[in-house]
Structure formats: C-alpha cells, structure tokens
Amino acid sequence: MKRARRTRSTYAGVESSIRDALSALKPLLHFETARIELVEFNGDTGVAVVHVAGDCPECDLTAPMLREGIEAHLRTKIPEIREIRVI
C-alpha cells in the first residue's frame, strides 16, 4: 500500500497550534521585550525550531530553564512535536 505524501500545507494546522501555544507563554514570562516565535516545523521529523529573543533583567530565568519550560509546554499541547530546538 502506498503511503500518502505529506506536504507543507498538511502541517499548517500543526504550525498554527504551535504559534498559539507560544503566544500563550508570553504573559508568563513577565517581560514585554520577549519574543517567542516558531521558525520552522518539519512534520516529517517532528522537529520544531523556536526562536527566543529579549531580555529580562529582573528575572531569575536562565536560558536552560526557559528552554525546558517552553519544551514542556509545547509537548503537552502538540503531540506531533518530537523534538524542540530553541535558538
């Protein structure tokens, strides 16, 4: 049996869900200069690349803590994600 080939548009719904989940994180970061955005999602591999920018001088968040929080949030919301790369 031939497997259906998935195209980029097949994953548009997943990308939209990732963007929504990232938007929900911004108020939790407690700083206005934060930018969290989806760079790329590869549906074949399940890899999501997320860019985080901004600073928070009054926060105690370290980069690894922030990355772990983003990963945990996205993995619970989007089952299609197998790996998250934060850049």
C-alpha atoms as a PDB file:
ATOM      1  CA  MET A   1       0.000   0.000   0.000  1.00  0.00           C
ATOM      2  CA  LYS A   2       1.334   3.402  -0.965  1.00  0.00           C
ATOM      3  CA  ARG A   3       1.785   5.986   1.801  1.00  0.00           C
ATOM      4  CA  ALA A   4       0.211   9.353   1.227  1.00  0.00           C
ATOM      5  CA  ARG A   5       2.852  12.012   0.810  1.00  0.00           C
ATOM      6  CA  ARG A   6       2.505  14.877   3.225  1.00  0.00           C
ATOM      7  CA  THR A   7       3.097  18.377   2.013  1.00  0.00           C
ATOM      8  CA  ARG A   8       3.921  21.584   3.852  1.00  0.00           C
ATOM      9  CA  SER A   9       0.244  22.547   3.809  1.00  0.00           C
ATOM     10  CA  THR A  10      -0.563  19.290   5.607  1.00  0.00           C
ATOM     11  CA  TYR A  11       1.239  20.671   8.644  1.00  0.00           C
ATOM     12  CA  ALA A  12      -0.270  24.172   8.531  1.00  0.00           C
ATOM     13  CA  GLY A  13      -2.673  23.263  11.333  1.00  0.00           C
ATOM     14  CA  VAL A  14       0.188  22.000  13.497  1.00  0.00           C
ATOM     15  CA  GLU A  15       2.172  25.180  12.846  1.00  0.00           C
ATOM     16  CA  SER A  16      -0.849  27.267  13.790  1.00  0.00           C
ATOM     17  CA  SER A  17      -1.244  25.277  17.019  1.00  0.00           C
ATOM     18  CA  ILE A  18       2.435  25.801  17.845  1.00  0.00           C
ATOM     19  CA  ARG A  19       2.119  29.556  17.285  1.00  0.00           C
ATOM     20  CA  ASP A  20      -0.970  29.674  19.528  1.00  0.00           C
ATOM     21  CA  ALA A  21       0.816  27.721  22.265  1.00  0.00           C
ATOM     22  CA  LEU A  22       3.827  30.050  22.073  1.00  0.00           C
ATOM     23  CA  SER A  23       1.555  33.106  22.272  1.00  0.00           C
ATOM     24  CA  ALA A  24       0.062  31.726  25.466  1.00  0.00           C
ATOM     25  CA  LEU A  25       3.540  31.685  27.048  1.00  0.00           C
ATOM     26  CA  LYS A  26       4.325  35.378  26.613  1.00  0.00           C
ATOM     27  CA  PRO A  27       2.302  36.649  29.615  1.00  0.00           C
ATOM     28  CA  LEU A  28       4.004  34.051  31.794  1.00  0.00           C
ATOM     29  CA  LEU A  29       7.448  35.440  31.011  1.00  0.00           C
ATOM     30  CA  HIS A  30       6.675  38.740  32.778  1.00  0.00           C
ATOM     31  CA  PHE A  31       8.593  40.949  30.430  1.00  0.00           C
ATOM     32  CA  GLU A  32       7.395  42.926  27.459  1.00  0.00           C
ATOM     33  CA  THR A  33      10.516  42.651  25.341  1.00  0.00           C
ATOM     34  CA  ALA A  34      10.149  38.884  24.983  1.00  0.00           C
ATOM     35  CA  ARG A  35       9.660  37.425  21.556  1.00  0.00           C
ATOM     36  CA  ILE A  36       8.971  33.750  21.107  1.00  0.00           C
ATOM     37  CA  GLU A  37       8.291  32.624  17.575  1.00  0.00           C
ATOM     38  CA  LEU A  38       8.161  29.498  15.505  1.00  0.00           C
ATOM     39  CA  VAL A  39      10.955  29.476  12.942  1.00  0.00           C
ATOM     40  CA  GLU A  40      10.191  26.127  11.367  1.00  0.00           C
ATOM     41  CA  PHE A  41       8.283  22.912  11.910  1.00  0.00           C
ATOM     42  CA  ASN A  42       9.269  19.804   9.994  1.00  0.00           C
ATOM     43  CA  GLY A  43       6.292  17.493  10.120  1.00  0.00           C
ATOM     44  CA  ASP A  44       8.245  14.543   8.743  1.00  0.00           C
ATOM     45  CA  THR A  45      10.743  14.607  11.613  1.00  0.00           C
ATOM     46  CA  GLY A  46       8.566  16.309  14.235  1.00  0.00           C
ATOM     47  CA  VAL A  47      11.239  18.946  14.885  1.00  0.00           C
ATOM     48  CA  ALA A  48      10.097  22.441  15.845  1.00  0.00           C
ATOM     49  CA  VAL A  49      12.647  25.260  15.797  1.00  0.00           C
ATOM     50  CA  VAL A  50      11.697  28.137  18.096  1.00  0.00           C
ATOM     51  CA  HIS A  51      13.463  31.493  18.378  1.00  0.00           C
ATOM     52  CA  VAL A  52      13.505  33.254  21.743  1.00  0.00           C
ATOM     53  CA  ALA A  53      14.670  36.867  21.953  1.00  0.00           C
ATOM     54  CA  GLY A  54      14.523  39.617  24.509  1.00  0.00           C
ATOM     55  CA  ASP A  55      15.892  40.180  27.937  1.00  0.00           C
ATOM     56  CA  CYS A  56      14.592  40.192  31.447  1.00  0.00           C
ATOM     57  CA  PRO A  57      16.953  41.947  33.848  1.00  0.00           C
ATOM     58  CA  GLU A  58      14.681  41.343  36.831  1.00  0.00           C
ATOM     59  CA  CYS A  59      14.024  37.660  36.062  1.00  0.00           C
ATOM     60  CA  ASP A  60      15.766  34.679  37.596  1.00  0.00           C
ATOM     61  CA  LEU A  61      15.141  32.579  34.490  1.00  0.00           C
ATOM     62  CA  THR A  62      18.223  31.024  32.981  1.00  0.00           C
ATOM     63  CA  ALA A  63      18.336  30.024  29.327  1.00  0.00           C
ATOM     64  CA  PRO A  64      18.133  26.271  30.116  1.00  0.00           C
ATOM     65  CA  MET A  65      15.184  26.838  32.474  1.00  0.00           C
ATOM     66  CA  LEU A  66      13.386  28.869  29.834  1.00  0.00           C
ATOM     67  CA  ARG A  67      14.053  26.245  27.162  1.00  0.00           C
ATOM     68  CA  GLU A  68      12.808  23.439  29.406  1.00  0.00           C
ATOM     69  CA  GLY A  69       9.632  25.367  30.177  1.00  0.00           C
ATOM     70  CA  ILE A  70       8.941  26.049  26.507  1.00  0.00           C
ATOM     71  CA  GLU A  71       9.587  22.401  25.624  1.00  0.00           C
ATOM     72  CA  ALA A  72       7.319  21.094  28.371  1.00  0.00           C
ATOM     73  CA  HIS A  73       4.518  23.460  27.373  1.00  0.00           C
ATOM     74  CA  LEU A  74       4.715  22.622  23.660  1.00  0.00           C
ATOM     75  CA  ARG A  75       4.997  18.868  24.183  1.00  0.00           C
ATOM     76  CA  THR A  76       1.829  18.789  26.286  1.00  0.00           C
ATOM     77  CA  LYS A  77      -0.099  20.858  23.737  1.00  0.00           C
ATOM     78  CA  ILE A  78       1.197  19.490  20.418  1.00  0.00           C
ATOM     79  CA  PRO A  79       1.667  15.697  20.243  1.00  0.00           C
ATOM     80  CA  GLU A  80       3.182  15.919  16.741  1.00  0.00           C
ATOM     81  CA  ILE A  81       6.324  17.524  18.186  1.00  0.00           C
ATOM     82  CA  ARG A  82       9.130  15.034  18.771  1.00  0.00           C
ATOM     83  CA  GLU A  83      11.961  17.496  19.326  1.00  0.00           C
ATOM     84  CA  ILE A  84      12.233  21.204  20.047  1.00  0.00           C
ATOM     85  CA  ARG A  85      15.262  23.298  19.210  1.00  0.00           C
ATOM     86  CA  VAL A  86      15.412  26.712  20.839  1.00  0.00           C
ATOM     87  CA  ILE A  87      17.649  29.248  19.114  1.00  0.00           C
END
